[in-house]
Amino acid sequence: MPQIWMTYDELATLCGCRPVEARDQARFLSLPRRKCSDGTTRAKLNATLAMKYFATIREQDFDLDGAIAALREMHRQMAAPLAREPAHDGRGVA
């Protein structure tokens, strides 16, 4: 099972409550919590909440073909500058 960490705002959206209530629920359920490098506290979802999260993703009308096309276009744009750079022969500068 993958680890899914959510902010209290994200958890509140998932559970249909306010962030303060989501924080209280995380405490009540003894969910692991940690302060991340961006300064935001995140709670690790338990199996029940993770299944609820996956169910909400499945319910969304997501344009998968559009997302794939956008990723391919981004790859093309990012690869273009690399194709123009001269090849490195592996020798150092003398």
PDB file of N, CA and C in Angstrom:
ATOM      1  N   MET A   1       0.846  -1.175   0.000  1.00  0.00           N
ATOM      2  CA  MET A   1       0.000   0.000   0.000  1.00  0.00           C
ATOM      3  C   MET A   1       0.896   1.244   0.000  1.00  0.00           C
ATOM      4  N   PRO A   2       0.675   2.174  -0.940  1.00  0.00           N
ATOM      5  CA  PRO A   2       1.499   3.388  -0.977  1.00  0.00           C
ATOM      6  C   PRO A   2       1.189   4.299   0.209  1.00  0.00           C
ATOM      7  N   GLN A   3       2.163   5.102   0.556  1.00  0.00           N
ATOM      8  CA  GLN A   3       1.958   6.095   1.608  1.00  0.00           C
ATOM      9  C   GLN A   3       1.358   7.342   0.984  1.00  0.00           C
ATOM     10  N   ILE A   4       0.291   7.830   1.574  1.00  0.00           N
ATOM     11  CA  ILE A   4      -0.339   9.060   1.108  1.00  0.00           C
ATOM     12  C   ILE A   4      -0.362  10.022   2.282  1.00  0.00           C
ATOM     13  N   TRP A   5       0.320  11.140   2.099  1.00  0.00           N
ATOM     14  CA  TRP A   5       0.395  12.165   3.126  1.00  0.00           C
ATOM     15  C   TRP A   5      -0.408  13.365   2.660  1.00  0.00           C
ATOM     16  N   MET A   6      -1.278  13.888   3.514  1.00  0.00           N
ATOM     17  CA  MET A   6      -2.117  15.027   3.162  1.00  0.00           C
ATOM     18  C   MET A   6      -2.021  16.120   4.207  1.00  0.00           C
ATOM     19  N   THR A   7      -2.146  17.350   3.736  1.00  0.00           N
ATOM     20  CA  THR A   7      -2.262  18.474   4.658  1.00  0.00           C
ATOM     21  C   THR A   7      -3.638  18.405   5.306  1.00  0.00           C
ATOM     22  N   TYR A   8      -3.829  19.174   6.357  1.00  0.00           N
ATOM     23  CA  TYR A   8      -5.140  19.198   6.999  1.00  0.00           C
ATOM     24  C   TYR A   8      -6.200  19.767   6.056  1.00  0.00           C
ATOM     25  N   ASP A   9      -5.825  20.703   5.201  1.00  0.00           N
ATOM     26  CA  ASP A   9      -6.769  21.235   4.220  1.00  0.00           C
ATOM     27  C   ASP A   9      -7.205  20.141   3.240  1.00  0.00           C
ATOM     28  N   GLU A  10      -6.236  19.360   2.759  1.00  0.00           N
ATOM     29  CA  GLU A  10      -6.552  18.268   1.827  1.00  0.00           C
ATOM     30  C   GLU A  10      -7.388  17.189   2.505  1.00  0.00           C
ATOM     31  N   LEU A  11      -7.023  16.870   3.737  1.00  0.00           N
ATOM     32  CA  LEU A  11      -7.776  15.875   4.494  1.00  0.00           C
ATOM     33  C   LEU A  11      -9.203  16.358   4.759  1.00  0.00           C
ATOM     34  N   ALA A  12      -9.348  17.647   5.025  1.00  0.00           N
ATOM     35  CA  ALA A  12     -10.681  18.217   5.238  1.00  0.00           C
ATOM     36  C   ALA A  12     -11.532  18.085   3.975  1.00  0.00           C
ATOM     37  N   THR A  13     -10.937  18.336   2.821  1.00  0.00           N
ATOM     38  CA  THR A  13     -11.665  18.185   1.559  1.00  0.00           C
ATOM     39  C   THR A  13     -12.088  16.731   1.369  1.00  0.00           C
ATOM     40  N   LEU A  14     -11.189  15.812   1.655  1.00  0.00           N
ATOM     41  CA  LEU A  14     -11.492  14.392   1.513  1.00  0.00           C
ATOM     42  C   LEU A  14     -12.630  13.971   2.440  1.00  0.00           C
ATOM     43  N   CYS A  15     -12.623  14.481   3.660  1.00  0.00           N
ATOM     44  CA  CYS A  15     -13.599  14.049   4.665  1.00  0.00           C
ATOM     45  C   CYS A  15     -14.845  14.936   4.722  1.00  0.00           C
ATOM     46  N   GLY A  16     -14.840  16.031   3.978  1.00  0.00           N
ATOM     47  CA  GLY A  16     -16.010  16.911   3.982  1.00  0.00           C
ATOM     48  C   GLY A  16     -16.181  17.664   5.283  1.00  0.00           C
ATOM     49  N   CYS A  17     -15.062  18.150   5.824  1.00  0.00           N
ATOM     50  CA  CYS A  17     -15.121  18.902   7.067  1.00  0.00           C
ATOM     51  C   CYS A  17     -14.165  20.088   6.979  1.00  0.00           C
ATOM     52  N   ARG A  18     -14.026  20.809   8.086  1.00  0.00           N
ATOM     53  CA  ARG A  18     -13.087  21.930   8.135  1.00  0.00           C
ATOM     54  C   ARG A  18     -11.701  21.426   8.509  1.00  0.00           C
ATOM     55  N   PRO A  19     -10.639  22.186   8.153  1.00  0.00           N
ATOM     56  CA  PRO A  19      -9.269  21.757   8.483  1.00  0.00           C
ATOM     57  C   PRO A  19      -9.045  21.503   9.975  1.00  0.00           C
ATOM     58  N   VAL A  20      -9.675  22.296  10.842  1.00  0.00           N
ATOM     59  CA  VAL A  20      -9.521  22.091  12.283  1.00  0.00           C
ATOM     60  C   VAL A  20     -10.097  20.736  12.681  1.00  0.00           C
ATOM     61  N   GLU A  21     -11.238  20.379  12.100  1.00  0.00           N
ATOM     62  CA  GLU A  21     -11.848  19.086  12.390  1.00  0.00           C
ATOM     63  C   GLU A  21     -11.000  17.947  11.818  1.00  0.00           C
ATOM     64  N   ALA A  22     -10.379  18.181  10.660  1.00  0.00           N
ATOM     65  CA  ALA A  22      -9.504  17.173  10.059  1.00  0.00           C
ATOM     66  C   ALA A  22      -8.294  16.935  10.953  1.00  0.00           C
ATOM     67  N   ARG A  23      -7.749  18.004  11.531  1.00  0.00           N
ATOM     68  CA  ARG A  23      -6.621  17.867  12.454  1.00  0.00           C
ATOM     69  C   ARG A  23      -7.032  17.057  13.679  1.00  0.00           C
ATOM     70  N   ASP A  24      -8.213  17.352  14.214  1.00  0.00           N
ATOM     71  CA  ASP A  24      -8.708  16.604  15.373  1.00  0.00           C
ATOM     72  C   ASP A  24      -8.932  15.130  15.019  1.00  0.00           C
ATOM     73  N   GLN A  25      -9.429  14.882  13.832  1.00  0.00           N
ATOM     74  CA  GLN A  25      -9.658  13.511  13.390  1.00  0.00           C
ATOM     75  C   GLN A  25      -8.323  12.767  13.241  1.00  0.00           C
ATOM     76  N   ALA A  26      -7.310  13.449  12.722  1.00  0.00           N
ATOM     77  CA  ALA A  26      -5.985  12.835  12.587  1.00  0.00           C
ATOM     78  C   ALA A  26      -5.435  12.449  13.960  1.00  0.00           C
ATOM     79  N   ARG A  27      -5.640  13.308  14.932  1.00  0.00           N
ATOM     80  CA  ARG A  27      -5.208  13.000  16.301  1.00  0.00           C
ATOM     81  C   ARG A  27      -5.993  11.823  16.865  1.00  0.00           C
ATOM     82  N   PHE A  28      -7.320  11.858  16.695  1.00  0.00           N
ATOM     83  CA  PHE A  28      -8.185  10.809  17.217  1.00  0.00           C
ATOM     84  C   PHE A  28      -7.835   9.442  16.623  1.00  0.00           C
ATOM     85  N   LEU A  29      -7.538   9.417  15.323  1.00  0.00           N
ATOM     86  CA  LEU A  29      -7.197   8.171  14.643  1.00  0.00           C
ATOM     87  C   LEU A  29      -5.732   7.777  14.817  1.00  0.00           C
ATOM     88  N   SER A  30      -4.962   8.603  15.533  1.00  0.00           N
ATOM     89  CA  SER A  30      -3.524   8.379  15.749  1.00  0.00           C
ATOM     90  C   SER A  30      -2.772   8.229  14.425  1.00  0.00           C
ATOM     91  N   LEU A  31      -3.134   9.073  13.441  1.00  0.00           N
ATOM     92  CA  LEU A  31      -2.431   9.048  12.165  1.00  0.00           C
ATOM     93  C   LEU A  31      -1.031   9.630  12.364  1.00  0.00           C
ATOM     94  N   PRO A  32      -0.015   9.020  11.760  1.00  0.00           N
ATOM     95  CA  PRO A  32       1.315   9.624  11.837  1.00  0.00           C
ATOM     96  C   PRO A  32       1.280  11.024  11.216  1.00  0.00           C
ATOM     97  N   ARG A  33       1.917  11.966  11.887  1.00  0.00           N
ATOM     98  CA  ARG A  33       1.955  13.336  11.388  1.00  0.00           C
ATOM     99  C   ARG A  33       3.378  13.822  11.408  1.00  0.00           C
ATOM    100  N   ARG A  34       3.691  14.699  10.444  1.00  0.00           N
ATOM    101  CA  ARG A  34       5.037  15.285  10.427  1.00  0.00           C
ATOM    102  C   ARG A  34       4.995  16.652   9.777  1.00  0.00           C
ATOM    103  N   LYS A  35       5.898  17.489  10.247  1.00  0.00           N
ATOM    104  CA  LYS A  35       6.059  18.807   9.655  1.00  0.00           C
ATOM    105  C   LYS A  35       7.029  18.659   8.495  1.00  0.00           C
ATOM    106  N   CYS A  36       6.604  19.048   7.310  1.00  0.00           N
ATOM    107  CA  CYS A  36       7.417  18.887   6.106  1.00  0.00           C
ATOM    108  C   CYS A  36       8.314  20.097   5.891  1.00  0.00           C
ATOM    109  N   SER A  37       9.211  19.993   4.920  1.00  0.00           N
ATOM    110  CA  SER A  37      10.195  21.050   4.677  1.00  0.00           C
ATOM    111  C   SER A  37       9.545  22.363   4.245  1.00  0.00           C
ATOM    112  N   ASP A  38       8.307  22.308   3.733  1.00  0.00           N
ATOM    113  CA  ASP A  38       7.621  23.543   3.351  1.00  0.00           C
ATOM    114  C   ASP A  38       6.898  24.185   4.536  1.00  0.00           C
ATOM    115  N   GLY A  39       7.054  23.588   5.733  1.00  0.00           N
ATOM    116  CA  GLY A  39       6.456  24.144   6.938  1.00  0.00           C
ATOM    117  C   GLY A  39       5.036  23.671   7.195  1.00  0.00           C
ATOM    118  N   THR A  40       4.493  22.849   6.318  1.00  0.00           N
ATOM    119  CA  THR A  40       3.128  22.365   6.448  1.00  0.00           C
ATOM    120  C   THR A  40       3.126  20.999   7.130  1.00  0.00           C
ATOM    121  N   THR A  41       2.184  20.809   8.041  1.00  0.00           N
ATOM    122  CA  THR A  41       2.038  19.507   8.680  1.00  0.00           C
ATOM    123  C   THR A  41       1.179  18.624   7.796  1.00  0.00           C
ATOM    124  N   ARG A  42       1.618  17.380   7.632  1.00  0.00           N
ATOM    125  CA  ARG A  42       0.869  16.413   6.841  1.00  0.00           C
ATOM    126  C   ARG A  42       0.610  15.172   7.695  1.00  0.00           C
ATOM    127  N   ALA A  43      -0.541  14.544   7.438  1.00  0.00           N
ATOM    128  CA  ALA A  43      -0.909  13.310   8.120  1.00  0.00           C
ATOM    129  C   ALA A  43      -0.906  12.180   7.109  1.00  0.00           C
ATOM    130  N   LYS A  44      -0.407  11.033   7.545  1.00  0.00           N
ATOM    131  CA  LYS A  44      -0.367   9.853   6.680  1.00  0.00           C
ATOM    132  C   LYS A  44      -1.714   9.139   6.772  1.00  0.00           C
ATOM    133  N   LEU A  45      -2.339   8.900   5.633  1.00  0.00           N
ATOM    134  CA  LEU A  45      -3.646   8.257   5.624  1.00  0.00           C
ATOM    135  C   LEU A  45      -3.532   6.797   6.039  1.00  0.00           C
ATOM    136  N   ASN A  46      -4.525   6.350   6.811  1.00  0.00           N
ATOM    137  CA  ASN A  46      -4.595   4.924   7.121  1.00  0.00           C
ATOM    138  C   ASN A  46      -5.265   4.216   5.933  1.00  0.00           C
ATOM    139  N   ALA A  47      -5.409   2.907   6.016  1.00  0.00           N
ATOM    140  CA  ALA A  47      -5.934   2.132   4.885  1.00  0.00           C
ATOM    141  C   ALA A  47      -7.351   2.575   4.497  1.00  0.00           C
ATOM    142  N   THR A  48      -8.188   2.846   5.470  1.00  0.00           N
ATOM    143  CA  THR A  48      -9.568   3.248   5.186  1.00  0.00           C
ATOM    144  C   THR A  48      -9.612   4.583   4.451  1.00  0.00           C
ATOM    145  N   LEU A  49      -8.859   5.557   4.934  1.00  0.00           N
ATOM    146  CA  LEU A  49      -8.836   6.867   4.277  1.00  0.00           C
ATOM    147  C   LEU A  49      -8.171   6.788   2.907  1.00  0.00           C
ATOM    148  N   ALA A  50      -7.150   5.942   2.765  1.00  0.00           N
ATOM    149  CA  ALA A  50      -6.503   5.779   1.462  1.00  0.00           C
ATOM    150  C   ALA A  50      -7.489   5.213   0.445  1.00  0.00           C
ATOM    151  N   MET A  51      -8.299   4.238   0.858  1.00  0.00           N
ATOM    152  CA  MET A  51      -9.307   3.669  -0.046  1.00  0.00           C
ATOM    153  C   MET A  51     -10.338   4.735  -0.432  1.00  0.00           C
ATOM    154  N   LYS A  52     -10.707   5.582   0.525  1.00  0.00           N
ATOM    155  CA  LYS A  52     -11.642   6.673   0.229  1.00  0.00           C
ATOM    156  C   LYS A  52     -11.021   7.633  -0.780  1.00  0.00           C
ATOM    157  N   TYR A  53      -9.727   7.917  -0.616  1.00  0.00           N
ATOM    158  CA  TYR A  53      -9.012   8.803  -1.535  1.00  0.00           C
ATOM    159  C   TYR A  53      -8.993   8.210  -2.943  1.00  0.00           C
ATOM    160  N   PHE A  54      -8.642   6.929  -3.047  1.00  0.00           N
ATOM    161  CA  PHE A  54      -8.611   6.280  -4.363  1.00  0.00           C
ATOM    162  C   PHE A  54      -9.994   6.264  -5.007  1.00  0.00           C
ATOM    163  N   ALA A  55     -11.037   6.078  -4.208  1.00  0.00           N
ATOM    164  CA  ALA A  55     -12.402   6.075  -4.737  1.00  0.00           C
ATOM    165  C   ALA A  55     -12.760   7.442  -5.315  1.00  0.00           C
ATOM    166  N   THR A  56     -12.325   8.525  -4.657  1.00  0.00           N
ATOM    167  CA  THR A  56     -12.635   9.857  -5.176  1.00  0.00           C
ATOM    168  C   THR A  56     -11.914  10.114  -6.495  1.00  0.00           C
ATOM    169  N   ILE A  57     -10.707   9.561  -6.629  1.00  0.00           N
ATOM    170  CA  ILE A  57      -9.969   9.726  -7.886  1.00  0.00           C
ATOM    171  C   ILE A  57     -10.682   8.990  -9.012  1.00  0.00           C
ATOM    172  N   ARG A  58     -11.146   7.773  -8.722  1.00  0.00           N
ATOM    173  CA  ARG A  58     -11.836   6.981  -9.743  1.00  0.00           C
ATOM    174  C   ARG A  58     -13.127   7.656 -10.197  1.00  0.00           C
ATOM    175  N   GLU A  59     -13.776   8.389  -9.301  1.00  0.00           N
ATOM    176  CA  GLU A  59     -15.043   9.032  -9.617  1.00  0.00           C
ATOM    177  C   GLU A  59     -14.878  10.277 -10.484  1.00  0.00           C
ATOM    178  N   GLN A  60     -13.700  10.874 -10.488  1.00  0.00           N
ATOM    179  CA  GLN A  60     -13.488  12.110 -11.232  1.00  0.00           C
ATOM    180  C   GLN A  60     -13.474  11.844 -12.727  1.00  0.00           C
ATOM    181  N   ASP A  61     -13.989  12.792 -13.465  1.00  0.00           N
ATOM    182  CA  ASP A  61     -13.970  12.703 -14.921  1.00  0.00           C
ATOM    183  C   ASP A  61     -12.645  13.299 -15.382  1.00  0.00           C
ATOM    184  N   PHE A  62     -11.645  12.462 -15.486  1.00  0.00           N
ATOM    185  CA  PHE A  62     -10.295  12.912 -15.770  1.00  0.00           C
ATOM    186  C   PHE A  62      -9.962  12.652 -17.234  1.00  0.00           C
ATOM    187  N   ASP A  63      -9.433  13.653 -17.905  1.00  0.00           N
ATOM    188  CA  ASP A  63      -9.059  13.538 -19.311  1.00  0.00           C
ATOM    189  C   ASP A  63      -7.675  12.905 -19.405  1.00  0.00           C
ATOM    190  N   LEU A  64      -7.636  11.570 -19.340  1.00  0.00           N
ATOM    191  CA  LEU A  64      -6.376  10.852 -19.356  1.00  0.00           C
ATOM    192  C   LEU A  64      -5.628  11.055 -20.670  1.00  0.00           C
ATOM    193  N   ASP A  65      -6.338  11.009 -21.788  1.00  0.00           N
ATOM    194  CA  ASP A  65      -5.682  11.215 -23.084  1.00  0.00           C
ATOM    195  C   ASP A  65      -5.054  12.601 -23.167  1.00  0.00           C
ATOM    196  N   GLY A  66      -5.752  13.605 -22.668  1.00  0.00           N
ATOM    197  CA  GLY A  66      -5.216  14.964 -22.661  1.00  0.00           C
ATOM    198  C   GLY A  66      -3.981  15.081 -21.781  1.00  0.00           C
ATOM    199  N   ALA A  67      -4.002  14.406 -20.634  1.00  0.00           N
ATOM    200  CA  ALA A  67      -2.849  14.443 -19.732  1.00  0.00           C
ATOM    201  C   ALA A  67      -1.634  13.768 -20.368  1.00  0.00           C
ATOM    202  N   ILE A  68      -1.862  12.660 -21.055  1.00  0.00           N
ATOM    203  CA  ILE A  68      -0.766  11.963 -21.723  1.00  0.00           C
ATOM    204  C   ILE A  68      -0.188  12.840 -22.832  1.00  0.00           C
ATOM    205  N   ALA A  69      -1.054  13.475 -23.606  1.00  0.00           N
ATOM    206  CA  ALA A  69      -0.590  14.360 -24.679  1.00  0.00           C
ATOM    207  C   ALA A  69       0.216  15.524 -24.107  1.00  0.00           C
ATOM    208  N   ALA A  70      -0.234  16.089 -22.998  1.00  0.00           N
ATOM    209  CA  ALA A  70       0.486  17.199 -22.367  1.00  0.00           C
ATOM    210  C   ALA A  70       1.858  16.744 -21.860  1.00  0.00           C
ATOM    211  N   LEU A  71       1.934  15.556 -21.284  1.00  0.00           N
ATOM    212  CA  LEU A  71       3.224  15.034 -20.821  1.00  0.00           C
ATOM    213  C   LEU A  71       4.181  14.802 -21.990  1.00  0.00           C
ATOM    214  N   ARG A  72       3.668  14.272 -23.089  1.00  0.00           N
ATOM    215  CA  ARG A  72       4.520  14.045 -24.258  1.00  0.00           C
ATOM    216  C   ARG A  72       5.027  15.361 -24.831  1.00  0.00           C
ATOM    217  N   GLU A  73       4.172  16.384 -24.866  1.00  0.00           N
ATOM    218  CA  GLU A  73       4.580  17.690 -25.368  1.00  0.00           C
ATOM    219  C   GLU A  73       5.638  18.304 -24.454  1.00  0.00           C
ATOM    220  N   MET A  74       5.454  18.174 -23.141  1.00  0.00           N
ATOM    221  CA  MET A  74       6.448  18.697 -22.194  1.00  0.00           C
ATOM    222  C   MET A  74       7.775  17.966 -22.365  1.00  0.00           C
ATOM    223  N   HIS A  75       7.729  16.656 -22.569  1.00  0.00           N
ATOM    224  CA  HIS A  75       8.955  15.882 -22.802  1.00  0.00           C
ATOM    225  C   HIS A  75       9.656  16.378 -24.063  1.00  0.00           C
ATOM    226  N   ARG A  76       8.904  16.621 -25.117  1.00  0.00           N
ATOM    227  CA  ARG A  76       9.480  17.113 -26.371  1.00  0.00           C
ATOM    228  C   ARG A  76      10.158  18.453 -26.148  1.00  0.00           C
ATOM    229  N   GLN A  77       9.498  19.361 -25.443  1.00  0.00           N
ATOM    230  CA  GLN A  77      10.059  20.683 -25.183  1.00  0.00           C
ATOM    231  C   GLN A  77      11.315  20.605 -24.327  1.00  0.00           C
ATOM    232  N   MET A  78      11.320  19.718 -23.342  1.00  0.00           N
ATOM    233  CA  MET A  78      12.485  19.605 -22.456  1.00  0.00           C
ATOM    234  C   MET A  78      13.647  18.902 -23.149  1.00  0.00           C
ATOM    235  N   ALA A  79      13.360  17.998 -24.062  1.00  0.00           N
ATOM    236  CA  ALA A  79      14.409  17.254 -24.749  1.00  0.00           C
ATOM    237  C   ALA A  79      15.070  18.084 -25.846  1.00  0.00           C
ATOM    238  N   ALA A  80      14.379  19.062 -26.399  1.00  0.00           N
ATOM    239  CA  ALA A  80      14.909  19.856 -27.508  1.00  0.00           C
ATOM    240  C   ALA A  80      16.245  20.536 -27.163  1.00  0.00           C
ATOM    241  N   PRO A  81      16.382  21.224 -26.034  1.00  0.00           N
ATOM    242  CA  PRO A  81      17.681  21.857 -25.731  1.00  0.00           C
ATOM    243  C   PRO A  81      18.803  20.829 -25.551  1.00  0.00           C
ATOM    244  N   LEU A  82      18.486  19.668 -25.040  1.00  0.00           N
ATOM    245  CA  LEU A  82      19.503  18.634 -24.849  1.00  0.00           C
ATOM    246  C   LEU A  82      20.018  18.127 -26.186  1.00  0.00           C
ATOM    247  N   ALA A  83      19.162  18.069 -27.181  1.00  0.00           N
ATOM    248  CA  ALA A  83      19.567  17.581 -28.500  1.00  0.00           C
ATOM    249  C   ALA A  83      20.514  18.572 -29.178  1.00  0.00           C
ATOM    250  N   ARG A  84      20.447  19.844 -28.823  1.00  0.00           N
ATOM    251  CA  ARG A  84      21.298  20.865 -29.439  1.00  0.00           C
ATOM    252  C   ARG A  84      22.661  20.976 -28.783  1.00  0.00           C
ATOM    253  N   GLU A  85      22.823  20.462 -27.542  1.00  0.00           N
ATOM    254  CA  GLU A  85      24.103  20.567 -26.832  1.00  0.00           C
ATOM    255  C   GLU A  85      25.118  19.617 -27.455  1.00  0.00           C
ATOM    256  N   PRO A  86      26.407  20.043 -27.532  1.00  0.00           N
ATOM    257  CA  PRO A  86      27.435  19.145 -28.069  1.00  0.00           C
ATOM    258  C   PRO A  86      27.639  17.952 -27.148  1.00  0.00           C
ATOM    259  N   ALA A  87      27.992  16.842 -27.734  1.00  0.00           N
ATOM    260  CA  ALA A  87      28.235  15.622 -26.961  1.00  0.00           C
ATOM    261  C   ALA A  87      29.490  15.790 -26.120  1.00  0.00           C
ATOM    262  N   HIS A  88      29.477  15.294 -24.912  1.00  0.00           N
ATOM    263  CA  HIS A  88      30.624  15.335 -24.003  1.00  0.00           C
ATOM    264  C   HIS A  88      31.459  14.088 -24.252  1.00  0.00           C
ATOM    265  N   ASP A  89      32.768  14.269 -24.512  1.00  0.00           N
ATOM    266  CA  ASP A  89      33.614  13.134 -24.867  1.00  0.00           C
ATOM    267  C   ASP A  89      34.199  12.415 -23.632  1.00  0.00           C
ATOM    268  N   GLY A  90      33.897  12.891 -22.445  1.00  0.00           N
ATOM    269  CA  GLY A  90      34.363  12.216 -21.236  1.00  0.00           C
ATOM    270  C   GLY A  90      35.737  12.661 -20.762  1.00  0.00           C
ATOM    271  N   ARG A  91      36.441  13.471 -21.549  1.00  0.00           N
ATOM    272  CA  ARG A  91      37.757  13.945 -21.127  1.00  0.00           C
ATOM    273  C   ARG A  91      37.618  15.242 -20.349  1.00  0.00           C
ATOM    274  N   GLY A  92      38.471  15.393 -19.374  1.00  0.00           N
ATOM    275  CA  GLY A  92      38.454  16.625 -18.584  1.00  0.00           C
ATOM    276  C   GLY A  92      39.175  17.751 -19.298  1.00  0.00           C
ATOM    277  N   VAL A  93      39.072  18.948 -18.752  1.00  0.00           N
ATOM    278  CA  VAL A  93      39.733  20.128 -19.299  1.00  0.00           C
ATOM    279  C   VAL A  93      41.157  20.146 -18.789  1.00  0.00           C
ATOM    280  N   ALA A  94      42.110  20.410 -19.675  1.00  0.00           N
ATOM    281  CA  ALA A  94      43.533  20.417 -19.284  1.00  0.00           C
ATOM    282  C   ALA A  94      43.962  21.758 -18.771  1.00  0.00           C
TER     283      ALA A  94
END
